[in-house]
Protein backbone atom coordinates (compact mmCIF):
# COMPACT_ATOMS: atom_id res chain seq x y z
CA MET A 1 22.27 -8.72 113.23
CA SER A 2 20.72 -8.99 116.56
CA GLN A 3 19.93 -12.27 118.68
CA ARG A 4 21.22 -16.03 117.35
CA CYS A 5 17.65 -18.37 117.12
CA TYR A 6 16.36 -19.59 120.59
CA HIS A 7 16.68 -23.12 121.71
CA GLY A 8 13.98 -25.61 123.33
CA ILE A 9 11.43 -24.73 120.78
CA SER A 10 9.24 -26.98 118.78
CA LYS A 11 9.67 -28.20 115.08
CA ASP A 12 7.00 -25.79 114.03
CA GLN A 13 8.32 -22.66 115.80
CA LEU A 14 11.98 -23.58 113.74
CA CYS A 15 11.86 -20.68 110.66
CA VAL A 16 13.56 -23.21 108.72
CA SER A 17 11.13 -26.05 109.37
CA LYS A 18 8.93 -23.75 106.81
CA VAL A 19 11.15 -23.76 103.83
CA PRO A 20 10.49 -26.60 101.58
CA PHE A 21 13.98 -27.07 100.89
CA PHE A 22 14.69 -27.91 104.95
CA ASN A 23 11.34 -29.82 105.79
CA HIS A 24 12.97 -33.05 104.82
CA LEU A 25 15.38 -32.57 107.54
CA THR A 26 15.13 -34.17 111.03
CA PHE A 27 14.47 -31.59 113.94
CA ASP A 28 18.06 -32.37 115.36
CA GLU A 29 19.34 -31.22 111.77
CA MET A 30 16.93 -28.03 111.80
CA GLU A 31 17.83 -27.11 114.94
CA LYS A 32 21.58 -27.12 113.76
CA ILE A 33 20.41 -24.54 111.11
CA ALA A 34 18.68 -22.59 113.07
CA ASP A 35 21.85 -22.08 115.09
CA MET A 36 23.47 -20.86 111.80
CA SER A 37 20.90 -18.24 111.59
CA ARG A 38 20.66 -15.20 112.94
CA HIS A 39 17.29 -13.52 113.75
CA LEU A 40 16.15 -9.53 112.16
CA HIS A 41 13.34 -7.74 113.86
CA PHE A 42 11.64 -4.87 111.59
CA LYS A 43 8.81 -2.84 111.61
CA LYS A 44 6.18 -2.18 109.09
CA GLY A 45 7.94 0.12 106.13
CA GLU A 46 11.65 -0.57 107.26
CA ILE A 47 14.05 -2.05 104.78
CA ILE A 48 15.41 -5.08 104.87
CA PHE A 49 17.83 -5.05 102.52
CA SER A 50 18.43 -2.47 99.65
CA GLU A 51 20.12 -2.70 95.96
CA GLY A 52 23.63 -2.20 95.86
CA ASP A 53 23.93 -4.05 99.67
CA PRO A 54 26.21 -7.47 99.23
CA LEU A 55 24.49 -10.50 98.45
CA GLU A 56 25.47 -12.49 101.23
CA TYR A 57 22.52 -14.08 103.02
CA LEU A 58 19.71 -16.02 102.48
CA TYR A 59 16.89 -14.39 103.64
CA ILE A 60 13.82 -16.67 105.19
CA VAL A 61 10.66 -15.09 106.33
CA HIS A 62 9.60 -16.52 109.68
CA GLN A 63 6.71 -13.77 110.57
CA GLY A 64 5.62 -10.84 108.65
CA ARG A 65 5.13 -10.05 104.88
CA VAL A 66 7.82 -8.66 102.56
CA LYS A 67 7.85 -7.30 99.24
CA ASN A 68 10.43 -7.48 96.97
CA TYR A 69 10.82 -4.98 94.36
CA GLN A 70 13.19 -2.48 91.91
CA LEU A 71 13.43 0.79 91.50
CA PHE A 72 14.04 2.40 88.66
CA GLU A 73 16.15 5.59 87.91
CA SER A 74 12.65 7.00 86.85
CA GLY A 75 11.21 6.99 90.03
CA LYS A 76 9.11 3.88 88.93
CA GLU A 77 8.94 0.82 91.24
CA GLN A 78 8.35 -2.58 89.52
CA LEU A 79 7.52 -4.86 92.08
CA LEU A 80 8.44 -8.43 92.07
CA ARG A 81 6.68 -10.73 94.66
CA ILE A 82 5.23 -10.71 98.11
CA LEU A 83 6.92 -12.93 100.33
CA GLU A 84 5.33 -14.45 103.21
CA SER A 85 5.74 -16.87 106.31
CA GLY A 86 8.58 -19.55 105.03
CA GLU A 87 9.19 -17.95 101.65
CA PHE A 88 12.69 -16.88 100.95
CA MET A 89 14.96 -14.91 98.53
CA GLY A 90 18.26 -13.70 98.40
CA GLU A 91 19.13 -17.38 96.86
CA LEU A 92 21.37 -15.85 94.32
CA ALA A 93 23.78 -15.45 97.11
CA LEU A 94 24.18 -19.57 97.36
CA PHE A 95 26.28 -19.46 93.79
CA THR A 96 27.86 -16.47 93.16
CA GLU A 97 29.24 -13.70 95.12
CA LYS A 98 27.61 -10.45 94.00
CA THR A 99 25.72 -7.30 94.93
CA LEU A 100 21.88 -7.24 95.25
CA ASP A 101 19.56 -5.73 92.76
CA SER A 102 16.71 -4.92 94.63
CA TYR A 103 14.69 -3.62 97.77
CA ALA A 104 13.06 -5.76 100.17
CA GLU A 105 10.89 -4.02 102.51
CA ALA A 106 8.44 -5.30 105.62
CA MET A 107 4.62 -4.79 104.77
CA GLU A 108 4.10 -5.38 108.59
CA LYS A 109 5.70 -6.66 111.51
CA THR A 110 8.49 -9.16 110.77
CA GLU A 111 10.96 -11.36 111.36
CA ILE A 112 13.80 -12.78 109.09
CA CYS A 113 15.99 -15.64 109.57
CA ALA A 114 19.18 -15.04 107.49
CA ILE A 115 22.35 -17.82 107.07
CA HIS A 116 24.93 -16.36 105.74
CA ARG A 117 26.74 -17.94 102.22
CA ASN A 118 29.38 -20.20 103.75
CA ASP A 119 26.87 -22.03 106.20
CA MET A 120 24.48 -22.60 103.53
CA GLN A 121 27.40 -24.17 101.13
CA GLN A 122 28.49 -26.07 103.83
CA LEU A 123 25.03 -27.24 104.71
CA MET A 124 24.39 -28.18 100.62
CA GLN A 125 27.75 -30.02 100.85
CA GLN A 126 26.54 -32.17 104.18
CA TYR A 127 22.57 -32.65 102.95
CA PRO A 128 23.04 -32.83 99.17
CA THR A 129 19.34 -32.93 98.95
CA ILE A 130 19.24 -29.41 100.02
CA ALA A 131 21.18 -28.16 96.91
CA ILE A 132 18.77 -30.54 94.49
CA LYS A 133 15.55 -28.83 96.30
CA ILE A 134 16.77 -25.07 96.20
CA LEU A 135 17.47 -25.63 92.63
CA GLU A 136 13.76 -26.71 91.95
CA GLN A 137 12.59 -23.69 93.69
CA PHE A 138 15.24 -21.84 92.06
CA SER A 139 13.81 -22.99 88.78
CA ASN A 140 10.35 -21.94 89.70
CA ARG A 141 11.46 -18.39 90.31
CA LEU A 142 13.05 -18.10 86.83
CA ASP A 143 9.60 -19.29 85.33
CA GLU A 144 7.57 -16.82 87.43
CA THR A 145 9.69 -14.21 86.58
CA GLU A 146 9.82 -15.07 82.85
CA LYS A 147 6.18 -15.32 83.50
CA LEU A 148 5.72 -11.88 84.49
CA VAL A 149 7.96 -10.46 81.85
CA GLY A 150 6.29 -11.73 79.11
CA ASN A 151 2.48 -10.54 81.20
CA LEU A 152 4.21 -6.76 80.93
CA SER A 153 5.71 -7.48 77.38
CA SER A 154 2.85 -9.05 75.72
CA LYS A 155 -0.66 -8.42 77.24
CA ASP A 156 -3.01 -5.52 78.29
CA VAL A 157 -3.57 -4.40 81.94
CA GLU A 158 -6.94 -6.22 81.58
CA THR A 159 -5.70 -9.70 80.56
CA ARG A 160 -2.82 -9.20 83.14
CA THR A 161 -5.64 -8.32 86.28
CA ALA A 162 -8.30 -11.25 85.25
CA SER A 163 -4.81 -13.72 84.93
CA TYR A 164 -3.69 -12.06 88.43
CA LEU A 165 -7.13 -12.76 90.26
CA LEU A 166 -7.28 -16.57 88.60
CA GLU A 167 -3.89 -17.04 89.51
CA LEU A 168 -4.89 -16.40 93.21
CA ALA A 169 -7.85 -18.57 92.80
CA GLU A 170 -5.88 -21.65 91.74
CA LYS A 171 -3.28 -21.44 94.59
CA HIS A 172 -5.55 -21.31 97.30
CA ASN A 173 -8.85 -23.14 95.66
CA THR A 174 -11.14 -21.15 96.09
CA THR A 175 -13.16 -18.73 94.24
CA ASN A 176 -13.62 -16.01 97.04
CA ILE A 177 -9.90 -14.55 97.39
CA GLU A 178 -8.27 -11.62 99.54
CA LEU A 179 -5.64 -9.50 97.42
CA PRO A 180 -2.47 -9.95 99.53
CA MET A 181 -1.30 -6.66 98.80
CA SER A 182 -2.58 -2.99 98.55
CA LYS A 183 -4.07 -1.69 94.89
CA LYS A 184 -0.73 0.33 94.51
CA ASP A 185 1.46 -2.33 94.99
CA LEU A 186 -0.88 -4.44 92.66
CA ALA A 187 -0.43 -1.75 90.52
CA SER A 188 3.26 -1.86 90.59
CA TYR A 189 3.24 -5.59 90.28
CA LEU A 190 1.10 -5.30 86.77
CA GLY A 191 3.13 -2.80 85.34
CA THR A 192 0.56 0.04 85.50
CA THR A 193 -1.30 2.44 88.02
CA SER A 194 -3.50 1.92 90.90
CA GLU A 195 -6.28 4.13 89.15
CA THR A 196 -5.91 2.10 86.30
CA ILE A 197 -6.62 -1.34 88.77
CA SER A 198 -9.48 -0.10 90.44
CA ARG A 199 -11.16 1.00 86.95
CA ARG A 200 -10.65 -2.60 85.26
CA LEU A 201 -11.86 -4.82 88.83
CA SER A 202 -14.90 -1.82 88.60
CA ASN A 203 -15.13 -3.08 85.31
CA PHE A 204 -15.12 -6.36 86.46
CA GLN A 205 -17.65 -6.04 88.98
CA THR A 206 -20.19 -3.85 86.85
CA ASN A 207 -20.07 -6.50 84.23
CA GLY A 208 -21.19 -9.11 87.15
CA TRP A 209 -17.64 -11.25 86.78
CA ILE A 210 -16.55 -10.65 90.20
CA GLU A 211 -17.92 -8.77 93.39
CA GLN A 212 -15.79 -6.70 95.13
CA LYS A 213 -15.74 -7.02 99.47
CA GLY A 214 -14.02 -4.24 100.84
CA GLN A 215 -10.63 -2.47 99.75
CA ARG A 216 -9.09 -6.55 99.25
CA LYS A 217 -11.77 -9.27 99.25
CA ILE A 218 -12.96 -10.68 95.46
CA ARG A 219 -15.96 -13.28 95.05
CA ILE A 220 -15.02 -14.37 91.87
CA ILE A 221 -18.68 -15.17 90.24
CA ASP A 222 -17.72 -15.89 86.31
CA ARG A 223 -14.71 -17.77 86.19
CA GLU A 224 -15.11 -18.88 82.50
CA ALA A 225 -15.46 -14.51 81.26
CA LEU A 226 -11.93 -14.03 83.23
CA GLU A 227 -10.24 -16.78 81.56
CA GLU A 228 -11.78 -15.47 78.16
CA ILE A 229 -10.24 -12.52 78.87
CA SER A 230 -6.96 -13.62 80.57
CA ILE A 231 -6.24 -15.63 76.46
CA GLY A 232 -7.17 -12.39 74.80
CA LYS A 233 -10.65 -12.85 73.78
């Protein structure tokens, strides 16, 4: 691990200010937490942690993007989530001592703030609201995981693809969406192949439901049609 977080910067520049369970604290309190954290810098494609590594840190994405995935013995990769600035991973380190069961890889030049379990546990005792907010975020993560597992086991690729496009549109409150990942990674997330994803999106476009603009930009034209597909009609 490299250098500690810097002093003399604005609140917006503190990595912890972007995280939901810290942003209710004062600037001075955030600075103290930033002092506890360490900066990690990664180039595109570098591994942040691997399956089997000790689970000791809460990792906060300060800048860049990270993909979190599991790798099976068959070589198949299952994408769990894409994390952007202000998002975090390794939260189980706060409650248990175990090894990691997934991988994290920088998708671009990325800066991570890592806070050790012992420091976080002290913070939760000092600021009980942090613990409550962490549990809220943890609950949301469990809901997302259960939803992903349910979709993979009970819905076909066309339904999963339509559901994902609608989720993106709702998240960003727009019909002009941009895929946050490559089609290869999207295929991994939806449990299929990149060729199948490309075919499904092409079919959606042929039917007049979406318009593809380049590799990642998509405009939703017929939301109702996608909604019918997403519920299996």
